[in-house]
Amino acid sequence: MKHTFIPIILHLITPPTQSSSSPYIITPPTRSKTINLHSGLPSQLKQKWQKARDLALLEQTVEDYNAEIVATAPDFVASLSRRRLIVLPLDERFNPPMGVFSHDHVQTGDKMSLPRVFWDSIVKGKAEVPWLFEVSRVEGVTSPRTVTTTTTTTTTPPSPSPLDKVVGGAIDFRSPSNYVFLPRWMIHALSLKPLDVVDVRAITDVPPGSAVRLRPHSSEFVKIGNHQAVLETELKHYSALTRGATIP
């Protein structure tokens, strides 16, 4: 019997790969690649496995660091209130149901999706509202800042001065244990990219604000009829404001 080989084309999403010797820094996936089963499958599968292994090593490195936090914490609540986490962008899958606060404000607010451990820290520590969390870059761990040119939009305005940390609230506590999902403006403000590593901690020492000075990024702002009403409506979706941040 004569065998006929039929070439088949597959589209595989390229997983992240390590971009330096640091176990915390890997390159996120960029685009799909076309694979010809007749010629390139073995090498492509090997590359795919190696890149998936890099992500697993990153997760294990973060897990080991968090285990050290738990082991060296002075008390039980302190062991729950800080974590090193892998960043992914928040998207509309996290949009709360209609009628729930923050509905349709996933990107126009400071709420992030956090692991369950932070909810446990609130309950065990009997924390009072507002529940605030600081997200910060980690020197030598977070990947270096890259200079990028972005187009100003209504949802992701560029940050004029990159920040080292921002403060926000929680949209939910259902993120996987080693991950945090951040709104796009927060990722831009910290000069992050997907799969970067940051430190997140629950904080209670944020001083109350008495006044805030805002600077519009577009002349469209002057066309708003009632500035005070619009600002009061939109700013209620921010639990805290960080000096120098650009918010949508």
Protein backbone atom coordinates (compact mmCIF):
# COMPACT_ATOMS: atom_id res chain seq x y z
CA MET A 1 0.00 0.00 0.00
CA LYS A 2 1.35 3.39 -0.95
CA HIS A 3 1.39 5.98 1.84
CA THR A 4 0.71 9.59 1.03
CA PHE A 5 1.93 12.33 3.38
CA ILE A 6 -0.28 15.39 3.48
CA PRO A 7 1.30 18.58 4.88
CA ILE A 8 -0.84 20.18 7.59
CA ILE A 9 -0.52 23.79 8.72
CA LEU A 10 -0.98 24.56 12.43
CA HIS A 11 -1.05 27.90 14.20
CA LEU A 12 0.53 27.76 17.65
CA ILE A 13 0.73 30.65 20.09
CA THR A 14 4.36 31.19 21.09
CA PRO A 15 4.67 31.07 24.90
CA PRO A 16 6.98 33.36 26.85
CA THR A 17 10.74 32.90 26.75
CA GLN A 18 13.52 34.01 29.04
CA SER A 19 15.19 37.22 27.86
CA SER A 20 17.98 37.39 30.46
CA SER A 21 19.75 35.35 33.08
CA SER A 22 17.29 36.54 35.73
CA PRO A 23 14.64 33.92 36.55
CA TYR A 24 12.15 36.78 36.98
CA ILE A 25 12.40 38.19 33.44
CA ILE A 26 10.95 36.45 30.41
CA THR A 27 9.64 37.73 27.10
CA PRO A 28 5.84 37.60 26.70
CA PRO A 29 4.27 35.96 23.62
CA THR A 30 4.16 38.20 20.59
CA ARG A 31 2.38 36.50 17.70
CA SER A 32 1.42 33.12 16.37
CA LYS A 33 3.76 31.14 14.15
CA THR A 34 2.86 28.89 11.23
CA ILE A 35 4.18 25.35 11.55
CA ASN A 36 4.43 22.82 8.75
CA LEU A 37 3.96 19.31 10.15
CA HIS A 38 5.90 17.84 7.23
CA SER A 39 9.14 19.68 8.08
CA GLY A 40 9.19 21.75 11.25
CA LEU A 41 7.06 20.06 13.94
CA PRO A 42 9.76 18.38 16.08
CA SER A 43 11.88 21.51 16.46
CA GLN A 44 8.84 23.73 17.00
CA LEU A 45 7.43 21.43 19.67
CA LYS A 46 10.79 21.40 21.40
CA GLN A 47 10.91 25.18 21.35
CA LYS A 48 7.35 25.36 22.64
CA TRP A 49 8.21 23.02 25.50
CA GLN A 50 11.31 25.02 26.42
CA LYS A 51 9.34 28.27 26.53
CA ALA A 52 6.58 26.70 28.62
CA ARG A 53 9.30 25.50 30.99
CA ASP A 54 10.58 29.07 31.32
CA LEU A 55 7.15 30.20 32.47
CA ALA A 56 6.95 27.32 34.94
CA LEU A 57 10.37 28.30 36.34
CA LEU A 58 9.19 31.89 36.73
CA GLU A 59 6.12 30.74 38.63
CA GLN A 60 8.24 28.50 40.85
CA THR A 61 10.70 31.34 41.58
CA VAL A 62 7.82 33.59 42.65
CA GLU A 63 6.27 30.79 44.70
CA ASP A 64 9.57 30.17 46.52
CA TYR A 65 9.93 33.87 47.35
CA ASN A 66 6.39 34.02 48.71
CA ALA A 67 7.07 30.94 50.84
CA GLU A 68 10.00 32.84 52.35
CA ILE A 69 7.68 35.78 53.13
CA VAL A 70 5.38 33.44 55.03
CA ALA A 71 8.25 31.75 56.88
CA THR A 72 9.86 35.01 58.05
CA ALA A 73 6.74 37.10 58.79
CA PRO A 74 6.51 38.37 62.38
CA ASP A 75 2.86 37.29 62.71
CA PHE A 76 0.09 35.48 60.85
CA VAL A 77 -1.57 38.59 59.40
CA ALA A 78 1.78 39.90 58.14
CA SER A 79 2.36 36.59 56.36
CA LEU A 80 -0.80 37.23 54.31
CA SER A 81 -0.46 40.92 53.50
CA ARG A 82 2.49 40.91 51.06
CA ARG A 83 3.27 38.91 47.93
CA ARG A 84 5.53 38.94 44.88
CA LEU A 85 3.27 38.50 41.85
CA ILE A 86 3.34 38.11 38.06
CA VAL A 87 1.54 40.86 36.15
CA LEU A 88 -1.16 40.29 33.56
CA PRO A 89 -3.53 42.91 32.08
CA LEU A 90 -7.05 43.24 33.43
CA ASP A 91 -9.72 42.81 30.76
CA GLU A 92 -13.48 42.75 30.38
CA ARG A 93 -13.74 39.22 31.75
CA PHE A 94 -13.36 40.88 35.16
CA ASN A 95 -16.24 43.31 34.54
CA PRO A 96 -18.66 43.00 37.50
CA PRO A 97 -22.33 42.30 36.74
CA MET A 98 -24.68 45.18 36.05
CA GLY A 99 -25.71 46.88 39.26
CA VAL A 100 -22.44 46.08 41.01
CA PHE A 101 -19.96 48.88 41.76
CA SER A 102 -17.22 49.18 39.11
CA HIS A 103 -19.46 47.72 36.40
CA ASP A 104 -18.11 48.98 33.05
CA HIS A 105 -15.20 50.66 34.86
CA VAL A 106 -12.58 47.92 34.59
CA GLN A 107 -10.12 50.25 32.85
CA THR A 108 -11.38 53.56 34.25
CA GLY A 109 -10.64 52.89 37.89
CA ASP A 110 -7.84 51.70 40.14
CA LYS A 111 -9.22 48.26 40.93
CA MET A 112 -7.06 45.16 40.45
CA SER A 113 -7.71 41.42 40.69
CA LEU A 114 -5.73 39.95 43.58
CA PRO A 115 -5.11 36.46 44.95
CA ARG A 116 -7.37 35.12 47.68
CA VAL A 117 -4.61 35.53 50.27
CA PHE A 118 -5.20 39.30 50.38
CA TRP A 119 -8.85 38.76 51.26
CA ASP A 120 -7.71 36.47 54.06
CA SER A 121 -5.41 39.23 55.33
CA ILE A 122 -8.38 41.63 55.43
CA VAL A 123 -10.55 39.17 57.32
CA LYS A 124 -7.90 37.97 59.75
CA GLY A 125 -6.57 41.49 60.36
CA LYS A 126 -10.06 42.98 60.62
CA ALA A 127 -8.97 45.74 58.26
CA GLU A 128 -11.23 48.75 57.90
CA VAL A 129 -12.22 50.26 54.57
CA PRO A 130 -10.86 51.50 52.28
CA TRP A 131 -8.82 48.39 51.51
CA LEU A 132 -5.77 49.69 49.68
CA PHE A 133 -2.89 47.88 48.01
CA GLU A 134 0.47 49.17 46.84
CA VAL A 135 1.94 47.80 43.61
CA SER A 136 5.64 48.52 43.20
CA ARG A 137 8.47 47.74 40.82
CA VAL A 138 11.30 45.67 42.30
CA GLU A 139 14.83 46.78 41.53
CA GLY A 140 16.79 44.00 39.83
CA VAL A 141 13.65 41.89 39.46
CA THR A 142 11.12 43.84 37.37
CA SER A 143 12.32 44.06 33.77
CA PRO A 144 14.00 47.35 32.76
CA ARG A 145 11.83 50.18 31.60
CA THR A 146 11.50 50.50 27.85
CA VAL A 147 10.86 53.77 26.03
CA THR A 148 7.77 53.35 23.87
CA THR A 149 5.72 55.73 21.78
CA THR A 150 2.01 55.48 22.49
CA THR A 151 -1.02 57.21 21.05
CA THR A 152 -3.19 59.06 23.52
CA THR A 153 -6.63 57.49 23.89
CA THR A 154 -9.54 57.89 26.26
CA THR A 155 -8.74 54.63 28.04
CA THR A 156 -4.95 54.42 28.09
CA PRO A 157 -3.35 57.87 28.24
CA PRO A 158 0.46 57.88 28.42
CA SER A 159 2.09 58.51 31.79
CA PRO A 160 4.29 61.64 31.59
CA SER A 161 6.63 60.44 34.33
CA PRO A 162 7.05 56.70 34.98
CA LEU A 163 6.26 55.74 38.54
CA ASP A 164 7.87 53.21 40.86
CA LYS A 165 4.65 52.44 42.72
CA VAL A 166 0.92 53.08 42.62
CA VAL A 167 -1.90 52.50 45.09
CA GLY A 168 -5.31 51.07 44.27
CA GLY A 169 -8.18 48.90 45.42
CA ALA A 170 -9.47 45.44 44.56
CA ILE A 171 -12.08 44.53 42.00
CA ASP A 172 -12.05 40.94 43.29
CA PHE A 173 -9.85 38.32 44.94
CA ARG A 174 -10.00 35.52 42.37
CA SER A 175 -6.62 35.85 40.70
CA PRO A 176 -4.38 32.73 40.73
CA SER A 177 -2.06 32.65 43.73
CA ASN A 178 1.05 33.97 41.92
CA TYR A 179 -0.63 36.55 39.67
CA VAL A 180 -2.12 40.03 39.77
CA PHE A 181 -4.28 41.57 37.03
CA LEU A 182 -3.85 45.34 36.63
CA PRO A 183 -5.77 47.92 34.56
CA ARG A 184 -3.93 49.15 31.48
CA TRP A 185 -3.20 52.65 32.79
CA MET A 186 -1.52 51.18 35.87
CA ILE A 187 0.68 48.92 33.72
CA HIS A 188 1.70 51.93 31.61
CA ALA A 189 2.34 54.13 34.66
CA LEU A 190 4.77 51.55 36.07
CA SER A 191 6.34 50.81 32.66
CA LEU A 192 5.39 47.14 32.94
CA LYS A 193 4.65 44.48 30.37
CA PRO A 194 2.76 41.17 30.73
CA LEU A 195 4.63 38.63 32.88
CA ASP A 196 6.69 41.27 34.65
CA VAL A 197 7.11 40.70 38.39
CA VAL A 198 6.05 43.23 41.05
CA ASP A 199 5.57 43.39 44.80
CA VAL A 200 2.07 43.93 46.17
CA ARG A 201 1.23 44.67 49.78
CA ALA A 202 -1.84 45.70 51.74
CA ILE A 203 -1.34 49.15 53.26
CA THR A 204 -3.16 51.16 55.92
CA ASP A 205 -0.95 54.25 56.15
CA VAL A 206 -2.17 56.19 53.10
CA PRO A 207 -2.82 59.77 54.25
CA PRO A 208 -6.31 61.16 53.55
CA GLY A 209 -6.39 63.77 50.81
CA SER A 210 -7.84 67.21 51.32
CA ALA A 211 -7.44 68.53 47.77
CA VAL A 212 -6.29 67.35 44.36
CA ARG A 213 -5.03 69.22 41.31
CA LEU A 214 -5.84 67.64 37.96
CA ARG A 215 -4.42 68.53 34.54
CA PRO A 216 -6.43 67.56 31.43
CA HIS A 217 -4.54 65.76 28.64
CA SER A 218 -6.93 66.86 25.92
CA SER A 219 -8.80 70.03 24.97
CA GLU A 220 -11.94 67.89 24.82
CA PHE A 221 -12.17 68.32 28.58
CA VAL A 222 -13.28 71.95 28.22
CA LYS A 223 -16.29 70.82 26.19
CA ILE A 224 -17.77 69.00 29.19
CA GLY A 225 -20.83 70.84 30.45
CA ASN A 226 -20.59 70.17 34.18
CA HIS A 227 -16.99 69.42 35.14
CA GLN A 228 -17.67 68.95 38.83
CA ALA A 229 -20.46 66.41 38.31
CA VAL A 230 -18.42 64.40 35.79
CA LEU A 231 -15.29 64.35 37.98
CA GLU A 232 -17.25 63.35 41.08
CA THR A 233 -18.90 60.52 39.14
CA GLU A 234 -15.69 59.18 37.63
CA LEU A 235 -13.28 59.69 40.54
CA LYS A 236 -15.42 57.59 42.87
CA HIS A 237 -13.98 54.57 41.05
CA TYR A 238 -10.52 55.42 42.40
CA SER A 239 -9.86 54.39 45.98
CA ALA A 240 -6.65 56.47 46.03
CA LEU A 241 -4.72 58.83 43.78
CA THR A 242 -0.96 58.63 43.22
CA ARG A 243 0.96 61.86 42.68
CA GLY A 244 2.19 62.07 39.09
CA ALA A 245 -0.10 59.33 37.75
CA THR A 246 -2.13 59.72 34.55
CA ILE A 247 -5.59 58.19 34.91
CA PRO A 248 -8.24 57.62 32.22
